[in-house]
Protein backbone atom coordinates (compact mmCIF):
# COMPACT_ATOMS: atom_id res chain seq x y z
CA UNK A 1 -13.51 -35.59 -3.84
CA UNK A 2 -16.18 -37.76 -4.21
CA UNK A 3 -15.95 -39.59 -1.20
CA UNK A 4 -16.60 -36.07 0.65
CA UNK A 5 -19.50 -35.86 -1.53
CA UNK A 6 -20.92 -38.88 -0.40
CA UNK A 7 -20.55 -38.07 3.35
CA UNK A 8 -21.86 -34.52 2.75
CA UNK A 9 -24.88 -36.39 1.16
CA UNK A 10 -25.28 -38.81 3.92
CA UNK A 11 -25.12 -35.92 6.53
CA UNK A 12 -28.05 -34.00 4.86
CA UNK A 13 -30.27 -37.22 4.70
CA UNK A 14 -29.41 -38.37 8.14
CA UNK A 15 -32.27 -38.29 10.70
CA UNK A 16 -32.61 -38.90 14.21
CA UNK A 17 -33.69 -42.03 15.71
CA UNK A 18 -37.51 -42.08 16.45
CA UNK A 19 -36.64 -44.83 19.55
CA UNK A 20 -37.34 -43.36 23.16
CA UNK A 21 -36.02 -45.01 26.50
CA UNK A 22 -39.18 -47.16 26.61
CA UNK A 23 -37.05 -50.16 24.82
CA UNK A 24 -34.12 -50.11 27.09
CA UNK A 25 -33.76 -52.68 29.71
CA UNK A 26 -35.22 -51.85 33.25
CA UNK A 27 -31.69 -52.86 34.59
CA UNK A 28 -30.02 -50.62 32.33
CA UNK A 29 -28.44 -47.17 33.77
CA UNK A 30 -29.18 -43.97 32.55
CA UNK A 31 -26.51 -43.52 29.98
CA UNK A 32 -27.82 -47.04 28.31
CA UNK A 33 -25.18 -49.36 29.96
CA UNK A 34 -25.70 -51.75 32.81
CA UNK A 35 -25.07 -50.65 36.64
CA UNK A 36 -22.32 -52.91 38.09
CA UNK A 37 -23.50 -53.68 41.86
CA UNK A 38 -20.17 -55.85 42.64
CA UNK A 39 -18.38 -53.47 45.06
CA UNK A 40 -15.24 -56.11 44.90
CA UNK A 41 -15.16 -55.93 41.38
CA UNK A 42 -15.88 -52.19 41.04
CA UNK A 43 -12.67 -51.77 43.26
CA UNK A 44 -10.53 -54.07 41.00
CA UNK A 45 -11.39 -52.55 37.77
CA UNK A 46 -10.89 -48.75 39.22
CA UNK A 47 -7.42 -49.87 40.49
CA UNK A 48 -6.79 -51.02 37.41
CA UNK A 49 -7.69 -47.82 35.55
CA UNK A 50 -5.81 -45.67 38.18
CA UNK A 51 -2.71 -48.06 37.41
CA UNK A 52 -2.80 -47.61 33.52
CA UNK A 53 -3.39 -43.89 34.14
CA UNK A 54 -0.20 -43.92 36.30
CA UNK A 55 1.71 -45.88 33.37
CA UNK A 56 0.77 -43.33 31.02
CA UNK A 57 1.74 -40.47 33.21
CA UNK A 58 5.15 -41.98 33.72
CA UNK A 59 5.79 -42.11 29.98
CA UNK A 60 4.87 -39.00 29.04
CA UNK A 61 6.87 -37.38 31.82
CA UNK A 62 9.71 -39.43 31.05
CA UNK A 63 9.43 -38.17 27.34
CA UNK A 64 8.41 -41.43 26.13
CA UNK A 65 5.63 -40.87 23.76
CA UNK A 66 5.18 -44.37 22.48
CA UNK A 67 2.02 -45.27 24.54
CA UNK A 68 1.56 -48.61 22.53
CA UNK A 69 4.30 -50.17 25.01
CA UNK A 70 2.12 -50.03 27.80
CA UNK A 71 1.65 -53.29 29.44
CA UNK A 72 -2.46 -54.21 30.48
CA UNK A 73 -2.81 -54.64 34.27
CA UNK A 74 -3.28 -58.43 35.34
CA UNK A 75 -5.72 -57.48 37.79
CA UNK A 76 -8.34 -56.69 34.98
CA UNK A 77 -8.45 -60.13 34.10
CA UNK A 78 -11.78 -61.72 35.83
CA UNK A 79 -12.54 -65.47 36.36
CA UNK A 80 -15.48 -64.97 34.26
CA UNK A 81 -16.11 -62.92 30.93
CA UNK A 82 -18.11 -60.03 30.70
CA UNK A 83 -20.72 -62.21 28.38
CA UNK A 84 -20.71 -64.49 31.51
CA UNK A 85 -21.44 -61.64 33.91
CA UNK A 86 -24.41 -59.85 32.18
CA UNK A 87 -27.21 -62.18 33.15
CA UNK A 88 -25.99 -62.16 37.00
CA UNK A 89 -26.84 -58.46 36.89
């Protein structure tokens, strides 16, 4: 009960951030992330997402609701990390 009271107090004291969009990187997208202009990378990531959605659908429709057994598509693995990719955008 005391934890709930603390959360309510935090919520009452909440004030929105005064920061505007001026502090963002000029290359950042409207949503705050970075735009990926590499069409090959986009195609690979989209196909991997489609593959994951298909695997989830197959599990659900087969009646097996244990989604922790879905494997991560190997095509998501890139030759460089996201951290190495960021300076090139």
